[in-house]
Amino acid sequence: MTALPPWRSGGGSGSFTAVDARRSFGPSRPAGNYSMQSPSQTSPVSQSNTSRTTFPDPLKQYVARTFEDVSPEDKKDVEAELKRIITDAFNEKVVWSIDWDKMPLPQTILAKKRAAQKQDRTSTIASSDIASPTTKSFGKFSITDKNARSYGDEAPSPSKYTDRFDKKARQLSPYSIPMDKLSQREKDKRANRFAKELRSPQSVTPPERSTSAMDIDGDQPLVGRCMSLEKQYFRLTSAPDPDNVRPLHILEQTLELLKKKWREEQNYSYICDQFKSLRQDLTVQHIKNDFTVLVYEIHARIALEKGDLGEYNQCQSQLATLYSEGFKGHEEEFKAYRILYLLHTCNRADMNEVLAILTPTDKQHPSIQHALEVRSVLAAGNYHKFFRLYLEAPSMGGYLMDSFVARERMAALACICKAYRPDIDIRFLTEELGFESDTECVQFLCDNGASDLIEQKTGDKGVTSSIRFQTTKAVQIFEQAKNKAFKKVDIKGQIFYRSLTPRTRAVIGGGVIVYALTGLFLTDVAEKTFGLSPTEEDKKKLEALVPKVRTVERGGDGGRE
C-alpha cells in the first residue's frame, strides 16, 4: 500500500484535522484537543432529542381538523402543506406560542395559492427576472415560502433584491427566520417525526371545538352537532352555527317526539314552532329525502286541522318541489288538496296548470276524483251536489273545504231565496246546505243579519210545528253577502267591477255619464278660451278633404253626384 498523504493521516476523526484559529498573541493550544464532531457523531443526540419532542394539544386538534374533510385527490397536497407549516413553526420556535385555533387550514392556504397563480397567469404583467421568497403572516406568525416562484420557469439566483426582501420580512415579523439555516437532513427528520406522530392513534384525538358561523364553508354541506330534541325556532340573520343545528338522526327522534306530544297535548302553537325549527335544520343541512317529505306532510296536515292555511301553503309549495325531484310520499293526496286550495283562492291560472299535469293514473285516485268533482259542480253552480261532496270528503279534504264552504252557502242561499217564495222550512235549509243541525243553520242565518226573518209556526194546540225562514225579504241580504264573499282584489289592488254591489255599479255608471255630458257642454267654451276654435279657412280645407260619393245607374254611361 502507498503511504497516506499527510493531510489524511492526522486527527482522530479520519476526515480532517481541526486547527484552532488564534484569537490572541498568547501561545497557541494543541490542535488535537479541539477536534470537530462528524455528522455521524451528532445523530444520536438528534435522535435523543426527537424522542422527547412533544406537540401541543391545539396543534393536534389543528391536524385533526385538517383531515376531517379532505378529498382523496387533494390529500397529498394537503399533507405537504401541513408538513411545511409545522416544520416552519418548529424552525422558528413558535410552535407553542401560535394560536392554532385561529390558524387557517392547509386547504384554505392552498386555495389562496391556486387563486393567486390563476390570477398571475391571466395578468398582463409578468416579472420573470425578479423572484423572491414570499412571506405570509397570520397574526404574529409568518411563514417564509421558498417554493413560491414568479411567472418564470427557472428559480432566480440570489441577488440584492432577495436580500432586500429578506431584510424587510425580518423587520415585519420578529419570528421570521430564514429556513436555509437548517440543513435539508434536519428538515426531513422533523417531517418524519411529525408523520409518525400523526399516524399513531393515541396522539391525535377528535377535536371538541366550537365552530363559529365564520368557519363554515358555503360549498360544503353543513352537519349539525346539536343533540337537543326540542329547539325553539329563530329566523336566521346570519350563517347557521353547527352547534345549534341538529343532525339527521336527532331530527328523526324529534319527529317521533312531536307526533307523540301532538296526540297527547294538542298544543298547536308549540307544535308549529317545533316543526318550523325542524324544517329549518333540514334546509340548512341541504337534507332532501323521504324523511323530509314526511316532515312537510305531517306539518301540512296539522296546519289543515287547525285552519292555518298560511303554514299549510308553505308546506304545500315545498312538497310540490320534493315530489318533482322524485322523493316518495302521498303525492296524489296532496295534489287533491292543491286543487281544493285553488278553489278557495279562485286562482284559475294555477288551476289550469295543475289540471294539465294530472296523469290518467292520478285521475283514478279517490281524493283527486273527489276534488275534480267539487270543481265541476262549483263551475256548474250545482250547490246541492257540492254540499253532498262536502259531507263525503276523503282524507283531510273537508278541512280545506271548510275555508270556502261559508262562501258557497251564501251563494246557495241567494239562489234559494229567489226560487222559494215566500218562506221555507229551516229543516230544508239544514239538509240542503250541509249543516249538522237546525241550531247551526239558524246561527248561520243570524250571523249574516237575517235573525228578524226567522219565525216559528205553531199548531192548533200552541205547539211549535216548524221554523220558517222568510226568503222574499232575505233576497237582498244574501245577494249583498254573496258579492262581498266573492269580492276579489288582484295583485295590483284593482277591484273587479263584477264583484261590486248593484248600487255601487249604478253610482259609478251615473258618474261616468255626468262626466261625459259635462265634457260635451264645456268643450266649446274650452276651445274659445284657449284659442282652439277653427277658422273659416280651416273649415273649407276640412270640407275639401271629405270624400265625395257618386252613384252610378246600372247600365248607364254616366253618373250623377
Protein backbone atom coordinates (compact mmCIF):
# COMPACT_ATOMS: atom_id res chain seq x y z
CA MET A 1 0.00 0.00 0.00
CA THR A 2 1.09 3.51 -0.66
CA ALA A 3 1.53 5.84 2.25
CA LEU A 4 -1.34 8.11 3.10
CA PRO A 5 -0.83 11.78 2.39
CA PRO A 6 -0.07 13.86 5.42
CA TRP A 7 -3.43 15.67 5.32
CA ARG A 8 -5.29 12.34 5.63
CA SER A 9 -3.21 10.72 8.33
CA GLY A 10 -3.77 13.18 11.16
CA GLY A 11 -6.76 13.60 13.57
CA GLY A 12 -8.87 11.02 15.27
CA SER A 13 -11.93 11.60 13.12
CA GLY A 14 -10.37 10.22 9.94
CA SER A 15 -11.62 13.10 7.82
CA PHE A 16 -9.65 16.21 8.72
CA THR A 17 -7.62 17.79 11.49
CA ALA A 18 -9.22 20.78 13.10
CA VAL A 19 -6.97 23.74 13.67
CA ASP A 20 -7.94 26.26 16.31
CA ALA A 21 -7.69 29.80 15.00
CA ARG A 22 -5.61 32.15 17.13
CA ARG A 23 -7.58 34.88 18.85
CA SER A 24 -4.72 36.50 20.83
CA PHE A 25 -0.97 36.87 20.90
CA GLY A 26 -0.64 34.16 23.58
CA PRO A 27 0.77 30.71 22.98
CA SER A 28 -1.29 28.53 20.74
CA ARG A 29 -3.03 25.41 22.07
CA PRO A 30 -2.52 21.94 20.68
CA ALA A 31 -4.73 21.29 17.75
CA GLY A 32 -5.60 17.75 18.70
CA ASN A 33 -7.64 18.71 21.74
CA TYR A 34 -10.32 20.55 19.74
CA SER A 35 -11.47 18.21 17.02
CA MET A 36 -14.90 18.80 15.44
CA GLN A 37 -17.52 16.07 15.58
CA SER A 38 -18.65 14.44 12.36
CA PRO A 39 -22.33 14.17 11.38
CA SER A 40 -22.30 10.54 12.46
CA GLN A 41 -21.47 11.61 15.97
CA THR A 42 -24.23 14.20 16.24
CA SER A 43 -27.02 11.97 15.02
CA PRO A 44 -27.51 10.13 18.36
CA VAL A 45 -28.01 13.42 20.10
CA SER A 46 -30.52 14.48 17.48
CA GLN A 47 -32.38 11.20 17.83
CA SER A 48 -32.45 11.50 21.60
CA ASN A 49 -33.99 14.95 21.25
CA THR A 50 -36.51 13.51 18.80
CA SER A 51 -37.87 11.06 21.32
CA ARG A 52 -38.52 13.89 23.75
CA THR A 53 -40.32 16.17 21.23
CA THR A 54 -43.94 16.85 22.17
CA PHE A 55 -46.72 18.55 20.28
CA PRO A 56 -49.17 21.00 21.88
CA ASP A 57 -52.79 19.88 22.07
CA PRO A 58 -54.06 22.80 19.90
CA LEU A 59 -51.67 21.62 17.18
CA LYS A 60 -53.06 18.07 17.40
CA GLN A 61 -56.58 19.45 17.09
CA TYR A 62 -55.46 21.55 14.14
CA VAL A 63 -54.16 18.40 12.42
CA ALA A 64 -57.42 16.58 13.13
CA ARG A 65 -59.45 19.45 11.66
CA THR A 66 -57.27 19.35 8.58
CA PHE A 67 -58.12 15.73 7.79
CA GLU A 68 -61.83 15.90 8.66
CA ASP A 69 -62.95 16.62 5.10
CA VAL A 70 -60.06 16.10 2.69
CA SER A 71 -60.82 14.75 -0.77
CA PRO A 72 -58.55 11.90 -1.99
CA GLU A 73 -57.20 13.97 -4.88
CA ASP A 74 -56.09 16.80 -2.57
CA LYS A 75 -54.74 14.64 0.25
CA LYS A 76 -51.11 14.67 -0.93
CA ASP A 77 -51.04 18.44 -1.41
CA VAL A 78 -52.69 19.00 1.96
CA GLU A 79 -50.18 16.71 3.71
CA ALA A 80 -47.27 18.51 2.08
CA GLU A 81 -48.65 21.92 3.04
CA LEU A 82 -49.33 20.74 6.61
CA LYS A 83 -45.77 19.42 6.97
CA ARG A 84 -44.41 22.71 5.71
CA ILE A 85 -46.46 24.73 8.20
CA ILE A 86 -45.46 22.63 11.19
CA THR A 87 -41.80 22.45 10.11
CA ASP A 88 -41.66 26.21 9.79
CA ALA A 89 -43.24 26.58 13.22
CA PHE A 90 -40.56 24.36 14.79
CA ASN A 91 -37.79 26.11 12.91
CA GLU A 92 -38.95 29.49 14.13
CA LYS A 93 -39.54 28.12 17.66
CA VAL A 94 -43.10 29.47 17.82
CA VAL A 95 -44.98 26.16 17.86
CA TRP A 96 -46.11 26.74 21.46
CA SER A 97 -46.99 30.40 21.01
CA ILE A 98 -49.14 30.18 17.88
CA ASP A 99 -52.93 30.29 18.27
CA TRP A 100 -53.63 27.12 16.29
CA ASP A 101 -57.41 27.57 16.67
CA LYS A 102 -57.21 30.72 14.51
CA MET A 103 -54.60 29.31 12.14
CA PRO A 104 -56.02 28.82 8.59
CA LEU A 105 -56.22 25.21 7.48
CA PRO A 106 -53.85 23.96 4.76
CA GLN A 107 -56.84 23.64 2.40
CA THR A 108 -57.51 27.36 2.76
CA ILE A 109 -53.86 28.28 2.16
CA LEU A 110 -53.70 26.03 -0.92
CA ALA A 111 -56.89 27.54 -2.30
CA LYS A 112 -55.46 31.04 -1.93
CA LYS A 113 -52.22 29.97 -3.61
CA ARG A 114 -54.07 28.45 -6.55
CA ALA A 115 -56.24 31.52 -6.92
CA ALA A 116 -53.14 33.72 -6.90
CA GLN A 117 -51.44 31.52 -9.51
CA LYS A 118 -54.52 31.67 -11.71
CA GLN A 119 -54.63 35.43 -11.41
CA ASP A 120 -50.94 35.65 -12.26
CA ARG A 121 -51.45 33.61 -15.42
CA THR A 122 -54.18 35.92 -16.65
CA SER A 123 -52.27 39.06 -15.73
CA THR A 124 -50.61 41.02 -18.50
CA ILE A 125 -47.64 41.99 -16.31
CA ALA A 126 -45.09 39.24 -15.65
CA SER A 127 -41.96 39.67 -13.61
CA SER A 128 -39.82 36.79 -14.78
CA ASP A 129 -36.44 38.36 -14.00
CA ILE A 130 -37.05 39.07 -10.28
CA ALA A 131 -38.27 36.45 -7.82
CA SER A 132 -38.11 36.36 -4.09
CA PRO A 133 -39.46 34.28 -1.26
CA THR A 134 -42.97 35.13 -0.15
CA THR A 135 -43.77 35.67 3.49
CA LYS A 136 -47.32 35.04 4.66
CA SER A 137 -48.29 36.42 8.03
CA PHE A 138 -51.02 35.01 10.26
CA GLY A 139 -51.19 37.22 13.33
CA LYS A 140 -47.73 37.13 14.92
CA PHE A 141 -46.66 34.07 12.94
CA SER A 142 -45.13 34.50 9.49
CA ILE A 143 -44.12 31.68 7.17
CA THR A 144 -41.43 32.11 4.54
CA ASP A 145 -42.31 30.13 1.45
CA LYS A 146 -39.20 29.33 -0.59
CA ASN A 147 -41.17 27.23 -3.05
CA ALA A 148 -43.14 30.22 -4.34
CA ARG A 149 -41.77 31.38 -7.69
CA SER A 150 -42.54 34.10 -10.17
CA TYR A 151 -44.01 33.52 -13.58
CA GLY A 152 -40.60 32.42 -14.96
CA ASP A 153 -39.71 28.74 -15.30
CA GLU A 154 -36.34 28.90 -13.53
CA ALA A 155 -35.61 29.95 -9.99
CA PRO A 156 -33.54 33.13 -9.92
CA SER A 157 -30.20 33.32 -8.25
CA PRO A 158 -29.77 35.28 -5.01
CA SER A 159 -29.39 38.95 -5.67
CA LYS A 160 -29.65 42.26 -3.91
CA TYR A 161 -33.42 42.14 -4.41
CA THR A 162 -33.63 38.85 -2.48
CA ASP A 163 -31.51 40.19 0.37
CA ARG A 164 -33.56 43.35 0.50
CA PHE A 165 -36.79 41.35 0.64
CA ASP A 166 -35.49 39.08 3.42
CA LYS A 167 -34.42 42.10 5.42
CA LYS A 168 -37.84 43.70 5.04
CA ALA A 169 -39.59 40.44 6.03
CA ARG A 170 -37.49 40.17 9.18
CA GLN A 171 -38.45 43.72 10.09
CA LEU A 172 -42.14 42.95 9.67
CA SER A 173 -42.09 39.77 11.77
CA PRO A 174 -39.71 39.20 14.68
CA TYR A 175 -40.26 35.45 14.35
CA SER A 176 -39.27 35.21 10.72
CA ILE A 177 -36.12 33.07 10.40
CA PRO A 178 -34.61 32.02 7.06
CA MET A 179 -35.19 28.32 6.55
CA ASP A 180 -31.92 27.76 4.69
CA LYS A 181 -30.04 27.93 8.03
CA LEU A 182 -31.20 24.37 8.69
CA SER A 183 -29.88 21.50 6.64
CA GLN A 184 -32.21 19.52 4.44
CA ARG A 185 -31.46 16.45 6.51
CA GLU A 186 -32.80 18.07 9.67
CA LYS A 187 -35.91 19.22 7.86
CA ASP A 188 -36.58 15.66 6.69
CA LYS A 189 -36.07 14.32 10.19
CA ARG A 190 -38.61 16.73 11.62
CA ALA A 191 -41.07 15.92 8.87
CA ASN A 192 -40.66 12.19 9.59
CA ARG A 193 -41.18 12.78 13.31
CA PHE A 194 -44.42 14.61 12.55
CA ALA A 195 -45.60 11.83 10.22
CA LYS A 196 -45.03 9.23 12.97
CA GLU A 197 -46.90 11.40 15.46
CA LEU A 198 -49.76 11.79 13.02
CA ARG A 199 -50.04 8.05 12.27
CA SER A 200 -50.14 6.99 15.91
CA PRO A 201 -53.79 6.59 17.06
CA GLN A 202 -53.01 7.70 20.62
CA SER A 203 -51.53 11.03 19.64
CA VAL A 204 -54.46 12.69 17.89
CA THR A 205 -57.94 12.74 19.37
CA PRO A 206 -61.11 14.09 17.74
CA PRO A 207 -61.30 17.80 18.41
CA GLU A 208 -64.00 19.32 20.54
CA ARG A 209 -64.32 22.88 19.45
CA SER A 210 -67.00 25.47 18.99
CA THR A 211 -67.17 26.37 15.33
CA SER A 212 -68.43 29.85 14.71
CA ALA A 213 -70.53 30.82 11.72
CA MET A 214 -67.45 32.36 10.05
CA ASP A 215 -65.75 28.92 9.86
CA ILE A 216 -68.47 27.42 7.66
CA ASP A 217 -67.61 26.72 4.05
CA GLY A 218 -70.55 27.60 1.85
CA ASP A 219 -69.59 24.95 -0.73
CA GLN A 220 -69.66 22.11 1.81
CA PRO A 221 -72.94 20.88 3.34
CA LEU A 222 -73.29 21.77 6.98
CA VAL A 223 -73.54 18.93 9.52
CA GLY A 224 -75.15 19.81 12.83
CA ARG A 225 -73.81 18.88 16.24
CA CYS A 226 -76.74 19.82 18.49
CA MET A 227 -78.10 16.87 20.47
CA SER A 228 -81.26 18.53 21.83
CA LEU A 229 -84.56 17.07 20.66
CA GLU A 230 -86.53 20.28 21.19
CA LYS A 231 -85.34 23.64 19.93
CA GLN A 232 -87.17 26.93 19.57
CA TYR A 233 -87.48 28.38 16.10
CA PHE A 234 -85.47 31.52 15.30
CA ARG A 235 -85.30 33.23 11.95
CA LEU A 236 -81.71 33.14 10.68
CA THR A 237 -80.00 36.52 10.22
CA SER A 238 -76.51 35.09 9.55
CA ALA A 239 -74.81 31.85 8.62
CA PRO A 240 -76.07 28.92 10.74
CA ASP A 241 -73.94 27.64 13.62
CA PRO A 242 -73.42 23.83 13.58
CA ASP A 243 -73.64 23.80 17.39
CA ASN A 244 -77.26 24.97 17.07
CA VAL A 245 -78.26 22.61 14.24
CA ARG A 246 -79.45 19.05 14.86
CA PRO A 247 -78.16 16.21 12.64
CA LEU A 248 -80.46 13.86 10.79
CA HIS A 249 -80.64 11.08 13.38
CA ILE A 250 -81.61 13.60 16.07
CA LEU A 251 -84.26 15.10 13.78
CA GLU A 252 -85.81 11.67 13.32
CA GLN A 253 -86.13 11.31 17.08
CA THR A 254 -87.56 14.84 17.27
CA LEU A 255 -90.31 13.94 14.80
CA GLU A 256 -91.41 10.96 16.87
CA LEU A 257 -91.48 13.14 19.99
CA LEU A 258 -93.59 15.82 18.26
CA LYS A 259 -96.12 13.28 16.99
CA LYS A 260 -96.50 11.90 20.49
CA LYS A 261 -96.94 15.35 22.03
CA TRP A 262 -99.49 16.36 19.40
CA ARG A 263 -101.64 13.32 20.17
CA GLU A 264 -101.44 13.98 23.91
CA GLU A 265 -101.46 17.78 24.26
CA GLN A 266 -102.86 19.28 21.01
CA ASN A 267 -100.83 22.48 21.61
CA TYR A 268 -100.68 23.91 18.10
CA SER A 269 -98.54 26.99 18.83
CA TYR A 270 -95.83 24.79 20.37
CA ILE A 271 -96.04 22.10 17.68
CA CYS A 272 -95.93 24.65 14.85
CA ASP A 273 -92.85 26.33 16.35
CA GLN A 274 -91.06 22.99 16.73
CA PHE A 275 -91.92 21.87 13.19
CA LYS A 276 -90.63 25.15 11.74
CA SER A 277 -87.39 24.65 13.66
CA LEU A 278 -87.17 21.07 12.37
CA ARG A 279 -87.74 22.22 8.79
CA GLN A 280 -85.07 24.90 9.20
CA ASP A 281 -82.48 22.35 10.34
CA LEU A 282 -83.29 20.20 7.32
CA THR A 283 -82.94 23.18 4.99
CA VAL A 284 -79.59 24.50 6.27
CA GLN A 285 -78.08 20.99 6.02
CA HIS A 286 -79.45 20.50 2.47
CA ILE A 287 -81.22 17.31 3.53
CA LYS A 288 -83.70 16.19 0.88
CA ASN A 289 -85.01 12.65 1.20
CA ASP A 290 -88.16 10.73 2.04
CA PHE A 291 -87.87 11.82 5.67
CA THR A 292 -88.01 15.46 4.55
CA VAL A 293 -91.22 14.70 2.64
CA LEU A 294 -92.70 13.05 5.72
CA VAL A 295 -91.93 16.11 7.90
CA TYR A 296 -93.63 18.50 5.50
CA GLU A 297 -96.65 16.23 5.04
CA ILE A 298 -97.25 15.88 8.78
CA HIS A 299 -96.87 19.62 9.34
CA ALA A 300 -99.26 20.35 6.46
CA ARG A 301 -101.91 18.03 7.90
CA ILE A 302 -101.64 19.58 11.36
CA ALA A 303 -101.92 23.07 9.85
CA LEU A 304 -105.03 22.00 7.93
CA GLU A 305 -106.59 20.57 11.06
CA LYS A 306 -106.16 23.93 12.81
CA GLY A 307 -107.14 26.02 9.78
CA ASP A 308 -103.68 27.61 9.36
CA LEU A 309 -103.73 27.96 5.59
CA GLY A 310 -100.62 30.16 5.52
CA GLU A 311 -98.41 27.47 7.08
CA TYR A 312 -100.12 24.80 5.01
CA ASN A 313 -99.36 26.68 1.80
CA GLN A 314 -95.65 26.88 2.69
CA CYS A 315 -95.52 23.13 3.26
CA GLN A 316 -97.52 22.51 0.09
CA SER A 317 -95.08 24.53 -2.05
CA GLN A 318 -92.08 22.60 -0.70
CA LEU A 319 -93.84 19.29 -1.18
CA ALA A 320 -94.50 20.07 -4.84
CA THR A 321 -90.76 20.66 -5.32
CA LEU A 322 -89.78 17.48 -3.47
CA TYR A 323 -92.28 15.37 -5.43
CA SER A 324 -90.92 16.75 -8.71
CA GLU A 325 -87.40 15.67 -7.65
CA GLY A 326 -88.54 12.06 -7.25
CA PHE A 327 -88.91 11.70 -3.48
CA LYS A 328 -91.71 9.40 -2.34
CA GLY A 329 -94.73 10.43 -0.33
CA HIS A 330 -98.51 10.85 -0.56
CA GLU A 331 -98.34 12.82 -3.80
CA GLU A 332 -101.89 12.11 -5.03
CA GLU A 333 -103.42 13.12 -1.70
CA PHE A 334 -101.67 16.48 -1.71
CA LYS A 335 -102.49 17.09 -5.36
CA ALA A 336 -106.14 16.83 -4.37
CA TYR A 337 -105.53 19.28 -1.54
CA ARG A 338 -103.87 21.60 -4.05
CA ILE A 339 -106.98 21.60 -6.25
CA LEU A 340 -109.25 22.39 -3.30
CA TYR A 341 -106.90 25.15 -2.12
CA LEU A 342 -107.00 26.77 -5.58
CA LEU A 343 -110.80 26.62 -5.47
CA HIS A 344 -110.62 28.51 -2.20
CA THR A 345 -108.33 31.19 -3.67
CA CYS A 346 -110.21 31.28 -7.02
CA ASN A 347 -106.87 31.05 -8.82
CA ARG A 348 -107.85 29.88 -12.29
CA ALA A 349 -104.39 30.23 -13.82
CA ASP A 350 -102.73 27.86 -11.34
CA MET A 351 -105.75 25.58 -11.52
CA ASN A 352 -105.22 25.15 -15.26
CA GLU A 353 -101.56 24.29 -14.66
CA VAL A 354 -102.45 21.65 -12.07
CA LEU A 355 -105.09 20.08 -14.31
CA ALA A 356 -102.63 19.97 -17.20
CA ILE A 357 -100.07 17.88 -15.28
CA LEU A 358 -102.56 15.32 -13.97
CA THR A 359 -101.97 11.89 -15.45
CA PRO A 360 -104.67 9.28 -16.13
CA THR A 361 -103.34 7.36 -13.11
CA ASP A 362 -103.73 10.43 -10.91
CA LYS A 363 -107.33 10.88 -12.00
CA GLN A 364 -108.15 7.38 -10.76
CA HIS A 365 -107.16 8.26 -7.18
CA PRO A 366 -110.24 8.76 -4.93
CA SER A 367 -109.03 12.04 -3.45
CA ILE A 368 -108.27 13.57 -6.84
CA GLN A 369 -111.59 12.31 -8.26
CA HIS A 370 -113.40 14.00 -5.37
CA ALA A 371 -111.51 17.30 -5.87
CA LEU A 372 -112.26 17.30 -9.61
CA GLU A 373 -115.96 16.70 -8.93
CA VAL A 374 -116.01 19.62 -6.49
CA ARG A 375 -114.50 21.83 -9.16
CA SER A 376 -117.09 20.70 -11.72
CA VAL A 377 -120.15 21.30 -9.52
CA LEU A 378 -118.89 24.75 -8.50
CA ALA A 379 -118.41 25.68 -12.13
CA ALA A 380 -121.95 24.49 -12.86
CA GLY A 381 -123.48 26.18 -9.79
CA ASN A 382 -124.83 22.86 -8.51
CA TYR A 383 -124.88 23.66 -4.80
CA HIS A 384 -126.96 20.57 -3.95
CA LYS A 385 -124.23 18.17 -5.10
CA PHE A 386 -121.50 20.42 -3.71
CA PHE A 387 -122.75 20.01 -0.14
CA ARG A 388 -123.12 16.26 -0.64
CA LEU A 389 -119.44 16.15 -1.68
CA TYR A 390 -118.56 18.34 1.30
CA LEU A 391 -120.04 15.81 3.69
CA GLU A 392 -118.26 12.91 1.90
CA ALA A 393 -114.78 14.48 1.56
CA PRO A 394 -111.98 11.85 1.88
CA SER A 395 -108.82 12.24 3.99
CA MET A 396 -108.49 15.87 5.13
CA GLY A 397 -110.26 17.44 2.16
CA GLY A 398 -113.11 18.51 4.42
CA TYR A 399 -110.75 20.78 6.39
CA LEU A 400 -109.81 22.60 3.18
CA MET A 401 -113.43 22.86 2.08
CA ASP A 402 -114.25 24.45 5.45
CA SER A 403 -112.30 27.50 4.26
CA PHE A 404 -114.78 28.28 1.47
CA VAL A 405 -117.98 26.44 2.41
CA ALA A 406 -119.43 29.55 4.12
CA ARG A 407 -118.96 31.50 0.91
CA GLU A 408 -120.74 28.82 -1.11
CA ARG A 409 -123.59 28.71 1.44
CA MET A 410 -124.21 32.42 0.88
CA ALA A 411 -124.30 31.90 -2.87
CA ALA A 412 -126.69 28.97 -2.44
CA LEU A 413 -128.94 30.97 -0.10
CA ALA A 414 -129.08 33.84 -2.60
CA CYS A 415 -130.29 31.34 -5.20
CA ILE A 416 -132.77 29.63 -2.83
CA CYS A 417 -134.28 32.94 -1.73
CA LYS A 418 -135.07 33.75 -5.36
CA ALA A 419 -136.53 30.32 -6.10
CA TYR A 420 -138.54 29.55 -2.95
CA ARG A 421 -141.17 32.17 -2.07
CA PRO A 422 -142.45 33.47 0.34
CA ASP A 423 -140.78 31.31 3.02
CA ILE A 424 -139.09 27.96 3.52
CA ASP A 425 -138.63 25.45 6.34
CA ILE A 426 -135.37 25.65 8.30
CA ARG A 427 -135.08 21.87 8.18
CA PHE A 428 -134.86 22.00 4.40
CA LEU A 429 -132.01 24.54 4.60
CA THR A 430 -130.18 22.39 7.14
CA GLU A 431 -130.22 19.36 4.86
CA GLU A 432 -129.62 21.27 1.65
CA LEU A 433 -126.68 23.40 2.88
CA GLY A 434 -124.85 20.64 4.76
CA PHE A 435 -125.42 21.83 8.34
CA GLU A 436 -125.11 19.33 11.16
CA SER A 437 -128.22 20.59 12.99
CA ASP A 438 -131.04 23.13 12.78
CA THR A 439 -129.37 25.14 15.53
CA GLU A 440 -126.23 25.55 13.43
CA CYS A 441 -128.34 26.65 10.45
CA VAL A 442 -130.22 29.24 12.50
CA GLN A 443 -126.95 30.55 13.94
CA PHE A 444 -125.58 30.98 10.42
CA LEU A 445 -128.62 32.99 9.36
CA CYS A 446 -128.40 35.19 12.46
CA ASP A 447 -124.67 35.84 11.92
CA ASN A 448 -125.46 37.20 8.46
CA GLY A 449 -128.15 39.65 9.62
CA ALA A 450 -131.29 37.57 8.97
CA SER A 451 -132.35 36.95 12.55
CA ASP A 452 -135.54 39.02 12.11
CA LEU A 453 -136.63 36.86 9.19
CA ILE A 454 -136.92 33.64 11.22
CA GLU A 455 -140.36 32.88 12.66
CA GLN A 456 -141.91 29.95 14.46
CA LYS A 457 -145.18 28.43 13.27
CA THR A 458 -147.44 26.97 15.98
CA GLY A 459 -150.18 24.43 15.61
CA ASP A 460 -153.70 24.33 16.97
CA LYS A 461 -152.59 23.38 20.49
CA GLY A 462 -149.86 26.04 20.67
CA VAL A 463 -147.05 23.60 19.95
CA THR A 464 -144.31 24.75 17.58
CA SER A 465 -144.84 22.90 14.35
CA SER A 466 -141.98 24.34 12.29
CA ILE A 467 -139.48 27.15 11.97
CA ARG A 468 -139.85 29.16 8.75
CA PHE A 469 -137.41 31.48 7.01
CA GLN A 470 -138.84 34.41 5.02
CA THR A 471 -136.97 34.13 1.73
CA THR A 472 -138.72 37.05 0.00
CA LYS A 473 -137.27 39.60 2.40
CA ALA A 474 -133.87 37.88 2.56
CA VAL A 475 -133.00 38.14 -1.15
CA GLN A 476 -131.24 41.48 -0.87
CA ILE A 477 -129.38 40.49 2.33
CA PHE A 478 -127.79 37.35 0.91
CA GLU A 479 -127.18 38.87 -2.52
CA GLN A 480 -125.00 41.52 -0.87
CA ALA A 481 -123.37 38.91 1.37
CA LYS A 482 -122.58 36.80 -1.69
CA ASN A 483 -120.99 39.72 -3.54
CA LYS A 484 -118.92 40.59 -0.51
CA ALA A 485 -117.77 37.00 -0.06
CA PHE A 486 -116.70 36.69 -3.69
CA LYS A 487 -115.07 40.11 -3.76
CA LYS A 488 -111.52 39.77 -5.04
CA VAL A 489 -108.58 42.13 -5.30
CA ASP A 490 -105.93 41.41 -7.90
CA ILE A 491 -102.17 41.76 -7.43
CA LYS A 492 -102.14 45.46 -8.30
CA GLY A 493 -105.01 46.20 -5.92
CA GLN A 494 -107.64 46.88 -8.59
CA ILE A 495 -111.18 45.93 -7.53
CA PHE A 496 -113.12 43.88 -10.08
CA TYR A 497 -116.28 45.66 -11.33
CA ARG A 498 -118.33 42.45 -11.33
CA SER A 499 -117.69 41.96 -7.61
CA LEU A 500 -119.34 45.31 -6.73
CA THR A 501 -122.88 45.60 -5.43
CA PRO A 502 -125.62 46.80 -7.84
CA ARG A 503 -125.93 50.13 -6.03
CA THR A 504 -122.18 50.76 -6.34
CA ARG A 505 -122.29 49.89 -10.01
CA ALA A 506 -125.17 52.36 -10.54
CA VAL A 507 -123.24 55.14 -8.79
CA ILE A 508 -120.15 54.51 -10.91
CA GLY A 509 -122.20 54.38 -14.13
CA GLY A 510 -124.01 57.63 -13.27
CA GLY A 511 -120.71 59.33 -12.54
CA VAL A 512 -119.33 58.31 -15.94
CA ILE A 513 -122.43 59.69 -17.71
CA VAL A 514 -122.26 63.02 -15.84
CA TYR A 515 -118.57 63.32 -16.70
CA ALA A 516 -119.28 62.73 -20.41
CA LEU A 517 -122.14 65.29 -20.54
CA THR A 518 -120.05 67.88 -18.74
CA GLY A 519 -117.34 67.39 -21.32
CA LEU A 520 -119.76 67.96 -24.19
CA PHE A 521 -121.00 71.28 -22.79
CA LEU A 522 -117.59 72.57 -21.80
CA THR A 523 -115.77 71.64 -25.00
CA ASP A 524 -116.80 74.77 -26.96
CA VAL A 525 -116.04 77.04 -24.03
CA ALA A 526 -112.61 75.49 -23.61
CA GLU A 527 -111.83 75.85 -27.32
CA LYS A 528 -112.65 79.56 -27.27
CA THR A 529 -110.75 80.14 -24.06
CA PHE A 530 -107.54 78.52 -25.34
CA GLY A 531 -107.87 79.82 -28.92
CA LEU A 532 -108.51 76.43 -30.46
CA SER A 533 -111.67 77.32 -32.41
CA PRO A 534 -111.39 76.53 -36.15
CA THR A 535 -111.41 79.42 -38.67
CA GLU A 536 -113.44 79.59 -41.89
CA GLU A 537 -110.36 78.64 -43.88
CA ASP A 538 -109.87 75.54 -41.72
CA LYS A 539 -113.49 74.56 -42.28
CA LYS A 540 -113.10 74.87 -46.10
CA LYS A 541 -109.97 72.73 -46.04
CA LEU A 542 -111.82 70.13 -43.98
CA GLU A 543 -114.72 70.08 -46.45
CA ALA A 544 -112.30 69.63 -49.32
CA LEU A 545 -110.87 66.56 -47.62
CA VAL A 546 -114.28 64.93 -47.21
CA PRO A 547 -114.64 62.17 -49.85
CA LYS A 548 -117.46 62.56 -52.41
CA VAL A 549 -119.68 59.61 -53.19
CA ARG A 550 -121.09 59.22 -56.71
CA THR A 551 -124.00 56.95 -57.57
CA VAL A 552 -123.98 55.28 -60.97
CA GLU A 553 -127.12 53.89 -62.55
CA ARG A 554 -126.90 50.31 -63.67
CA GLY A 555 -126.33 50.05 -67.41
CA GLY A 556 -125.86 53.79 -67.80
CA ASP A 557 -122.84 55.51 -69.23
CA GLY A 558 -122.84 58.48 -66.94
CA GLY A 559 -123.49 59.13 -63.35
CA ARG A 560 -124.67 61.80 -61.01
CA GLU A 561 -123.34 63.06 -57.77
